[in-house]
Amino acid sequence: MTRLVDAVAATGSASVVLTGGGIGTKVLTELAAAPARDAVDWRRVEVWWGDERFLPTGDPQRNETGARNALLDHVEVLPQHVHPLPGPDGPDGPNPEAAADRYARELRAAAQPQDRSGVPTFDVLLLGIGPDAHVASLFPGAPALYEDDRTVVAVRGAPKPPPVRLSLTMPAIRAASQVWILASGAEKAGAVRLALSGAGPVQVPAAGARGSQQTLFLLDRAAAAEVPVQLSRFASP
């Protein structure tokens, strides 16, 4: 929250990219209950998502649905500042590729001239990490990990349900000033270790998720069990 407060104070606005899954929703729930929540001027915060299940609006499996229930419905964020990824009930219907292109255009429209990646320079981008070290909906070995030009892609055949998703690509993720990778539980410990080991991002996507200014791994004790003490806090160059 301090990062968002500082961004609003410095520039008059802030942008955050949310993640889903159990850890992402839990963090937002805790944030909604924290007294410091009201230190953020939510009317000046732009909210984006790093990935989404290609399901209709309101579906309980959508990251957007979890974020609204956990936090967004409890703060004064402006509706026009909330940018959910489209679902099959959106203007492009059941065409995830067209929906991905639409979100890419929305990101481009919000970017500033100095944002060379074609997306806003997000202040904070949150990511969960899977036991296989995937982040967003970028799974190990997926073609999307070779993407250099597009900022948003459709993902078909994801190895966990639902199989069709939309995701930011690695170049879009790396446009963030700060990337925060969240992990909880012993089943994530091996993935966290690999992400900090210098592995290649095609086989270990979390190893490629880095902020332009800082990268933080926010872990509970179980998730950090295989991380050497000197790497318990990682910051990108």
C-alpha atoms as a PDB file:
ATOM      1  CA  MET A   1       0.000   0.000   0.000  1.00  0.00           C
ATOM      2  CA  THR A   2       2.887   2.344   0.726  1.00  0.00           C
ATOM      3  CA  ARG A   3       4.008   2.053  -2.885  1.00  0.00           C
ATOM      4  CA  LEU A   4       0.575   3.167  -4.130  1.00  0.00           C
ATOM      5  CA  VAL A   5       0.417   6.029  -1.632  1.00  0.00           C
ATOM      6  CA  ASP A   6       3.844   7.225  -2.763  1.00  0.00           C
ATOM      7  CA  ALA A   7       2.921   6.978  -6.453  1.00  0.00           C
ATOM      8  CA  VAL A   8      -0.252   9.020  -5.975  1.00  0.00           C
ATOM      9  CA  ALA A   9       1.671  11.622  -3.990  1.00  0.00           C
ATOM     10  CA  ALA A  10       4.398  11.847  -6.643  1.00  0.00           C
ATOM     11  CA  THR A  11       2.372  11.778  -9.858  1.00  0.00           C
ATOM     12  CA  GLY A  12      -1.285  12.096  -8.918  1.00  0.00           C
ATOM     13  CA  SER A  13      -2.118   8.511  -9.873  1.00  0.00           C
ATOM     14  CA  ALA A  14      -1.025   4.924  -9.388  1.00  0.00           C
ATOM     15  CA  SER A  15      -1.465   1.684 -11.276  1.00  0.00           C
ATOM     16  CA  VAL A  16      -1.578  -1.855  -9.950  1.00  0.00           C
ATOM     17  CA  VAL A  17      -1.852  -5.192 -11.727  1.00  0.00           C
ATOM     18  CA  LEU A  18      -3.703  -7.818  -9.703  1.00  0.00           C
ATOM     19  CA  THR A  19      -3.317 -11.570  -9.650  1.00  0.00           C
ATOM     20  CA  GLY A  20      -5.781 -14.307  -8.811  1.00  0.00           C
ATOM     21  CA  GLY A  21      -5.650 -17.718  -7.247  1.00  0.00           C
ATOM     22  CA  GLY A  22      -5.818 -18.462  -3.564  1.00  0.00           C
ATOM     23  CA  ILE A  23      -2.832 -16.345  -2.550  1.00  0.00           C
ATOM     24  CA  GLY A  24      -3.878 -13.341  -4.642  1.00  0.00           C
ATOM     25  CA  THR A  25      -7.406 -13.297  -3.258  1.00  0.00           C
ATOM     26  CA  LYS A  26      -6.153 -13.822   0.294  1.00  0.00           C
ATOM     27  CA  VAL A  27      -3.790 -10.856   0.013  1.00  0.00           C
ATOM     28  CA  LEU A  28      -6.600  -8.619  -1.266  1.00  0.00           C
ATOM     29  CA  THR A  29      -8.877  -9.781   1.550  1.00  0.00           C
ATOM     30  CA  GLU A  30      -6.231  -8.899   4.113  1.00  0.00           C
ATOM     31  CA  LEU A  31      -5.684  -5.551   2.440  1.00  0.00           C
ATOM     32  CA  ALA A  32      -9.400  -4.751   2.578  1.00  0.00           C
ATOM     33  CA  ALA A  33      -9.402  -5.430   6.324  1.00  0.00           C
ATOM     34  CA  ALA A  34      -6.226  -3.467   7.092  1.00  0.00           C
ATOM     35  CA  PRO A  35      -6.581  -0.035   8.715  1.00  0.00           C
ATOM     36  CA  ALA A  36      -3.973   1.305   6.297  1.00  0.00           C
ATOM     37  CA  ARG A  37      -6.319   0.569   3.390  1.00  0.00           C
ATOM     38  CA  ASP A  38      -7.789   4.047   3.646  1.00  0.00           C
ATOM     39  CA  ALA A  39      -4.375   5.685   3.315  1.00  0.00           C
ATOM     40  CA  VAL A  40      -4.663   4.985  -0.425  1.00  0.00           C
ATOM     41  CA  ASP A  41      -6.720   7.406  -2.503  1.00  0.00           C
ATOM     42  CA  TRP A  42      -8.385   4.633  -4.494  1.00  0.00           C
ATOM     43  CA  ARG A  43     -10.067   7.157  -6.785  1.00  0.00           C
ATOM     44  CA  ARG A  44      -6.628   7.757  -8.315  1.00  0.00           C
ATOM     45  CA  VAL A  45      -5.689   4.093  -8.741  1.00  0.00           C
ATOM     46  CA  GLU A  46      -5.917   2.269 -12.076  1.00  0.00           C
ATOM     47  CA  VAL A  47      -6.512  -1.474 -11.711  1.00  0.00           C
ATOM     48  CA  TRP A  48      -5.424  -4.045 -14.302  1.00  0.00           C
ATOM     49  CA  TRP A  49      -5.020  -7.825 -14.347  1.00  0.00           C
ATOM     50  CA  GLY A  50      -2.061  -9.983 -15.290  1.00  0.00           C
ATOM     51  CA  ASP A  51      -4.198 -12.836 -16.547  1.00  0.00           C
ATOM     52  CA  GLU A  52      -7.734 -14.098 -16.589  1.00  0.00           C
ATOM     53  CA  ARG A  53      -9.689 -17.259 -17.150  1.00  0.00           C
ATOM     54  CA  PHE A  54     -11.701 -16.852 -20.352  1.00  0.00           C
ATOM     55  CA  LEU A  55     -15.055 -17.172 -18.609  1.00  0.00           C
ATOM     56  CA  PRO A  56     -18.144 -14.916 -18.493  1.00  0.00           C
ATOM     57  CA  THR A  57     -18.299 -11.858 -16.258  1.00  0.00           C
ATOM     58  CA  GLY A  58     -19.246 -12.820 -12.723  1.00  0.00           C
ATOM     59  CA  ASP A  59     -18.073 -16.415 -13.001  1.00  0.00           C
ATOM     60  CA  PRO A  60     -16.651 -17.391  -9.596  1.00  0.00           C
ATOM     61  CA  GLN A  61     -13.480 -18.732 -11.237  1.00  0.00           C
ATOM     62  CA  ARG A  62     -12.567 -15.374 -12.761  1.00  0.00           C
ATOM     63  CA  ASN A  63      -9.781 -13.429 -11.084  1.00  0.00           C
ATOM     64  CA  GLU A  64     -11.873 -10.294 -11.519  1.00  0.00           C
ATOM     65  CA  THR A  65     -14.732 -11.799  -9.497  1.00  0.00           C
ATOM     66  CA  GLY A  66     -12.422 -12.705  -6.630  1.00  0.00           C
ATOM     67  CA  ALA A  67     -10.782  -9.272  -6.639  1.00  0.00           C
ATOM     68  CA  ARG A  68     -14.105  -7.457  -6.591  1.00  0.00           C
ATOM     69  CA  ASN A  69     -15.419  -9.563  -3.718  1.00  0.00           C
ATOM     70  CA  ALA A  70     -12.196  -9.321  -1.730  1.00  0.00           C
ATOM     71  CA  LEU A  71     -11.263  -5.657  -2.218  1.00  0.00           C
ATOM     72  CA  LEU A  72     -12.611  -3.589  -5.075  1.00  0.00           C
ATOM     73  CA  ASP A  73     -16.222  -3.583  -3.865  1.00  0.00           C
ATOM     74  CA  HIS A  74     -15.003  -2.216  -0.517  1.00  0.00           C
ATOM     75  CA  VAL A  75     -12.949   0.778  -1.671  1.00  0.00           C
ATOM     76  CA  GLU A  76     -13.737   3.913  -3.676  1.00  0.00           C
ATOM     77  CA  VAL A  77     -12.070   2.834  -6.898  1.00  0.00           C
ATOM     78  CA  LEU A  78     -13.727   4.480  -9.892  1.00  0.00           C
ATOM     79  CA  PRO A  79     -15.479   2.084 -12.299  1.00  0.00           C
ATOM     80  CA  GLN A  80     -13.681   3.597 -15.282  1.00  0.00           C
ATOM     81  CA  HIS A  81     -10.357   2.879 -13.599  1.00  0.00           C
ATOM     82  CA  VAL A  82     -11.019  -0.868 -13.379  1.00  0.00           C
ATOM     83  CA  HIS A  83      -9.824  -2.716 -16.484  1.00  0.00           C
ATOM     84  CA  PRO A  84     -10.886  -6.378 -16.470  1.00  0.00           C
ATOM     85  CA  LEU A  85      -9.793  -8.702 -19.211  1.00  0.00           C
ATOM     86  CA  PRO A  86     -12.695  -9.596 -21.533  1.00  0.00           C
ATOM     87  CA  GLY A  87     -14.556 -12.889 -21.363  1.00  0.00           C
ATOM     88  CA  PRO A  88     -16.631 -14.756 -23.943  1.00  0.00           C
ATOM     89  CA  ASP A  89     -19.574 -12.490 -23.105  1.00  0.00           C
ATOM     90  CA  GLY A  90     -17.531  -9.458 -24.188  1.00  0.00           C
ATOM     91  CA  PRO A  91     -17.659  -7.578 -27.483  1.00  0.00           C
ATOM     92  CA  ASP A  92     -15.535 -10.186 -29.263  1.00  0.00           C
ATOM     93  CA  GLY A  93     -17.623 -13.146 -28.173  1.00  0.00           C
ATOM     94  CA  PRO A  94     -15.916 -16.540 -27.801  1.00  0.00           C
ATOM     95  CA  ASN A  95     -12.763 -15.426 -29.608  1.00  0.00           C
ATOM     96  CA  PRO A  96      -9.915 -15.211 -27.083  1.00  0.00           C
ATOM     97  CA  GLU A  97      -7.401 -13.957 -29.639  1.00  0.00           C
ATOM     98  CA  ALA A  98      -9.615 -10.976 -30.485  1.00  0.00           C
ATOM     99  CA  ALA A  99     -10.214 -10.366 -26.764  1.00  0.00           C
ATOM    100  CA  ALA A 100      -6.442 -10.381 -26.161  1.00  0.00           C
ATOM    101  CA  ASP A 101      -5.933  -7.858 -28.957  1.00  0.00           C
ATOM    102  CA  ARG A 102      -8.666  -5.660 -27.468  1.00  0.00           C
ATOM    103  CA  TYR A 103      -6.960  -5.613 -24.064  1.00  0.00           C
ATOM    104  CA  ALA A 104      -3.638  -4.849 -25.718  1.00  0.00           C
ATOM    105  CA  ARG A 105      -5.226  -1.814 -27.378  1.00  0.00           C
ATOM    106  CA  GLU A 106      -6.642  -0.697 -24.026  1.00  0.00           C
ATOM    107  CA  LEU A 107      -3.199  -0.945 -22.466  1.00  0.00           C
ATOM    108  CA  ARG A 108      -1.651   0.955 -25.364  1.00  0.00           C
ATOM    109  CA  ALA A 109      -4.218   3.728 -25.025  1.00  0.00           C
ATOM    110  CA  ALA A 110      -3.333   4.106 -21.331  1.00  0.00           C
ATOM    111  CA  ALA A 111       0.426   4.121 -21.941  1.00  0.00           C
ATOM    112  CA  GLN A 112       2.475   7.292 -21.961  1.00  0.00           C
ATOM    113  CA  PRO A 113       4.841   8.215 -24.811  1.00  0.00           C
ATOM    114  CA  GLN A 114       7.822   7.154 -22.727  1.00  0.00           C
ATOM    115  CA  ASP A 115       6.339   3.689 -22.171  1.00  0.00           C
ATOM    116  CA  ARG A 116       8.262   1.981 -24.947  1.00  0.00           C
ATOM    117  CA  SER A 117       6.713  -1.427 -24.243  1.00  0.00           C
ATOM    118  CA  GLY A 118       3.280  -0.150 -25.254  1.00  0.00           C
ATOM    119  CA  VAL A 119       1.800  -0.667 -21.797  1.00  0.00           C
ATOM    120  CA  PRO A 120       1.642   1.648 -18.794  1.00  0.00           C
ATOM    121  CA  THR A 121       4.626   1.605 -16.458  1.00  0.00           C
ATOM    122  CA  PHE A 122       2.728  -0.163 -13.700  1.00  0.00           C
ATOM    123  CA  ASP A 123       3.710   0.876 -10.195  1.00  0.00           C
ATOM    124  CA  VAL A 124       3.117  -2.605  -8.745  1.00  0.00           C
ATOM    125  CA  LEU A 125       2.419  -5.871 -10.543  1.00  0.00           C
ATOM    126  CA  LEU A 126       1.383  -8.820  -8.390  1.00  0.00           C
ATOM    127  CA  LEU A 127       1.978 -12.407  -9.462  1.00  0.00           C
ATOM    128  CA  GLY A 128       1.274 -15.735  -7.865  1.00  0.00           C
ATOM    129  CA  ILE A 129       3.611 -18.614  -8.641  1.00  0.00           C
ATOM    130  CA  GLY A 130       2.483 -22.150  -9.355  1.00  0.00           C
ATOM    131  CA  PRO A 131       4.213 -25.343  -8.220  1.00  0.00           C
ATOM    132  CA  ASP A 132       5.457 -25.615 -11.825  1.00  0.00           C
ATOM    133  CA  ALA A 133       6.862 -22.045 -11.577  1.00  0.00           C
ATOM    134  CA  HIS A 134       4.259 -20.557 -13.920  1.00  0.00           C
ATOM    135  CA  VAL A 135       3.238 -16.936 -13.452  1.00  0.00           C
ATOM    136  CA  ALA A 136       0.120 -15.239 -14.810  1.00  0.00           C
ATOM    137  CA  SER A 137      -1.011 -17.816 -17.413  1.00  0.00           C
ATOM    138  CA  LEU A 138       2.502 -18.320 -18.774  1.00  0.00           C
ATOM    139  CA  PHE A 139       3.177 -22.016 -18.271  1.00  0.00           C
ATOM    140  CA  PRO A 140       6.560 -23.728 -18.737  1.00  0.00           C
ATOM    141  CA  GLY A 141       7.402 -24.291 -22.385  1.00  0.00           C
ATOM    142  CA  ALA A 142       4.377 -22.362 -23.659  1.00  0.00           C
ATOM    143  CA  PRO A 143       4.678 -20.562 -27.018  1.00  0.00           C
ATOM    144  CA  ALA A 144       3.658 -17.317 -25.299  1.00  0.00           C
ATOM    145  CA  LEU A 145       7.018 -17.282 -23.518  1.00  0.00           C
ATOM    146  CA  TYR A 146       8.736 -16.659 -26.847  1.00  0.00           C
ATOM    147  CA  GLU A 147       6.535 -13.613 -27.523  1.00  0.00           C
ATOM    148  CA  ASP A 148       8.511 -10.404 -27.945  1.00  0.00           C
ATOM    149  CA  ASP A 149       6.049  -8.154 -29.772  1.00  0.00           C
ATOM    150  CA  ARG A 150       2.601  -8.704 -28.310  1.00  0.00           C
ATOM    151  CA  THR A 151       1.685  -7.588 -24.808  1.00  0.00           C
ATOM    152  CA  VAL A 152      -1.406  -9.768 -24.346  1.00  0.00           C
ATOM    153  CA  VAL A 153      -1.986 -13.271 -25.683  1.00  0.00           C
ATOM    154  CA  ALA A 154      -4.679 -15.920 -25.727  1.00  0.00           C
ATOM    155  CA  VAL A 155      -3.594 -19.150 -24.054  1.00  0.00           C
ATOM    156  CA  ARG A 156      -5.209 -22.350 -25.261  1.00  0.00           C
ATOM    157  CA  GLY A 157      -4.658 -25.766 -23.738  1.00  0.00           C
ATOM    158  CA  ALA A 158      -3.479 -24.544 -20.352  1.00  0.00           C
ATOM    159  CA  PRO A 159      -2.348 -27.521 -18.241  1.00  0.00           C
ATOM    160  CA  LYS A 160      -4.779 -26.583 -15.468  1.00  0.00           C
ATOM    161  CA  PRO A 161      -8.465 -25.749 -15.924  1.00  0.00           C
ATOM    162  CA  PRO A 162      -9.950 -23.824 -17.470  1.00  0.00           C
ATOM    163  CA  PRO A 163      -7.851 -24.440 -20.586  1.00  0.00           C
ATOM    164  CA  VAL A 164      -8.501 -21.077 -22.294  1.00  0.00           C
ATOM    165  CA  ARG A 165      -7.107 -17.921 -20.724  1.00  0.00           C
ATOM    166  CA  LEU A 166      -5.764 -14.457 -21.487  1.00  0.00           C
ATOM    167  CA  SER A 167      -2.392 -13.354 -20.167  1.00  0.00           C
ATOM    168  CA  LEU A 168       0.078 -10.525 -20.208  1.00  0.00           C
ATOM    169  CA  THR A 169       3.304 -11.543 -21.888  1.00  0.00           C
ATOM    170  CA  MET A 170       6.725 -11.304 -20.308  1.00  0.00           C
ATOM    171  CA  PRO A 171       7.553  -7.944 -21.984  1.00  0.00           C
ATOM    172  CA  ALA A 172       4.389  -6.455 -20.485  1.00  0.00           C
ATOM    173  CA  ILE A 173       5.188  -7.865 -17.053  1.00  0.00           C
ATOM    174  CA  ARG A 174       8.698  -6.439 -17.209  1.00  0.00           C
ATOM    175  CA  ALA A 175       7.264  -2.981 -17.892  1.00  0.00           C
ATOM    176  CA  ALA A 176       6.249  -2.774 -14.225  1.00  0.00           C
ATOM    177  CA  SER A 177       8.388  -0.719 -11.902  1.00  0.00           C
ATOM    178  CA  GLN A 178       7.964  -3.317  -9.188  1.00  0.00           C
ATOM    179  CA  VAL A 179       7.011  -6.974  -9.534  1.00  0.00           C
ATOM    180  CA  TRP A 180       5.892  -8.740  -6.365  1.00  0.00           C
ATOM    181  CA  ILE A 181       5.776 -12.541  -6.513  1.00  0.00           C
ATOM    182  CA  LEU A 182       3.556 -14.079  -3.837  1.00  0.00           C
ATOM    183  CA  ALA A 183       3.836 -17.649  -2.604  1.00  0.00           C
ATOM    184  CA  SER A 184       2.421 -19.624   0.279  1.00  0.00           C
ATOM    185  CA  GLY A 185       2.809 -23.284   1.171  1.00  0.00           C
ATOM    186  CA  ALA A 186       5.424 -25.996   0.945  1.00  0.00           C
ATOM    187  CA  GLU A 187       4.258 -27.055  -2.536  1.00  0.00           C
ATOM    188  CA  LYS A 188       5.643 -23.749  -3.863  1.00  0.00           C
ATOM    189  CA  ALA A 189       9.097 -24.071  -2.285  1.00  0.00           C
ATOM    190  CA  GLY A 190      10.742 -25.818  -5.230  1.00  0.00           C
ATOM    191  CA  ALA A 191       9.312 -23.333  -7.716  1.00  0.00           C
ATOM    192  CA  VAL A 192      10.545 -20.398  -5.659  1.00  0.00           C
ATOM    193  CA  ARG A 193      14.031 -21.918  -5.482  1.00  0.00           C
ATOM    194  CA  LEU A 194      14.103 -22.370  -9.269  1.00  0.00           C
ATOM    195  CA  ALA A 195      12.831 -18.839  -9.837  1.00  0.00           C
ATOM    196  CA  LEU A 196      15.768 -17.488  -7.864  1.00  0.00           C
ATOM    197  CA  SER A 197      18.348 -19.847  -9.328  1.00  0.00           C
ATOM    198  CA  GLY A 198      19.033 -18.100 -12.620  1.00  0.00           C
ATOM    199  CA  ALA A 199      17.060 -20.670 -14.621  1.00  0.00           C
ATOM    200  CA  GLY A 200      15.807 -19.825 -18.092  1.00  0.00           C
ATOM    201  CA  PRO A 201      12.344 -18.240 -18.259  1.00  0.00           C
ATOM    202  CA  VAL A 202      10.971 -20.655 -20.881  1.00  0.00           C
ATOM    203  CA  GLN A 203      11.164 -23.614 -18.501  1.00  0.00           C
ATOM    204  CA  VAL A 204      10.849 -21.511 -15.318  1.00  0.00           C
ATOM    205  CA  PRO A 205       8.607 -18.556 -16.211  1.00  0.00           C
ATOM    206  CA  ALA A 206       8.886 -17.036 -12.738  1.00  0.00           C
ATOM    207  CA  ALA A 207      12.620 -16.623 -13.365  1.00  0.00           C
ATOM    208  CA  GLY A 208      11.809 -14.098 -16.081  1.00  0.00           C
ATOM    209  CA  ALA A 209       9.274 -12.051 -14.130  1.00  0.00           C
ATOM    210  CA  ARG A 210      11.283  -9.048 -13.020  1.00  0.00           C
ATOM    211  CA  GLY A 211      10.409  -5.419 -12.384  1.00  0.00           C
ATOM    212  CA  SER A 212      12.373  -2.626 -14.013  1.00  0.00           C
ATOM    213  CA  GLN A 213      13.238  -1.171 -10.592  1.00  0.00           C
ATOM    214  CA  GLN A 214      12.631  -3.907  -8.060  1.00  0.00           C
ATOM    215  CA  THR A 215      11.430  -7.482  -7.716  1.00  0.00           C
ATOM    216  CA  LEU A 216      10.199  -8.814  -4.388  1.00  0.00           C
ATOM    217  CA  PHE A 217       9.424 -12.399  -3.433  1.00  0.00           C
ATOM    218  CA  LEU A 218       6.878 -12.277  -0.610  1.00  0.00           C
ATOM    219  CA  LEU A 219       6.831 -15.736   0.938  1.00  0.00           C
ATOM    220  CA  ASP A 220       5.600 -17.519   3.994  1.00  0.00           C
ATOM    221  CA  ARG A 221       8.004 -19.749   5.890  1.00  0.00           C
ATOM    222  CA  ALA A 222       6.959 -22.922   4.051  1.00  0.00           C
ATOM    223  CA  ALA A 223       7.341 -21.403   0.583  1.00  0.00           C
ATOM    224  CA  ALA A 224      10.756 -20.021   1.561  1.00  0.00           C
ATOM    225  CA  ALA A 225      12.044 -23.319   2.929  1.00  0.00           C
ATOM    226  CA  GLU A 226      14.427 -23.995   0.011  1.00  0.00           C
ATOM    227  CA  VAL A 227      15.677 -20.421  -0.428  1.00  0.00           C
ATOM    228  CA  PRO A 228      19.142 -19.629   0.942  1.00  0.00           C
ATOM    229  CA  VAL A 229      19.056 -16.995   3.657  1.00  0.00           C
ATOM    230  CA  GLN A 230      21.003 -14.503   1.545  1.00  0.00           C
ATOM    231  CA  LEU A 231      18.307 -14.688  -1.151  1.00  0.00           C
ATOM    232  CA  SER A 232      15.322 -14.306   1.152  1.00  0.00           C
ATOM    233  CA  ARG A 233      14.763 -10.863  -0.385  1.00  0.00           C
ATOM    234  CA  PHE A 234      15.504 -10.521  -4.093  1.00  0.00           C
ATOM    235  CA  ALA A 235      15.795  -7.199  -5.852  1.00  0.00           C
ATOM    236  CA  SER A 236      16.386  -6.884  -9.576  1.00  0.00           C
ATOM    237  CA  PRO A 237      19.299  -4.789 -10.787  1.00  0.00           C
END
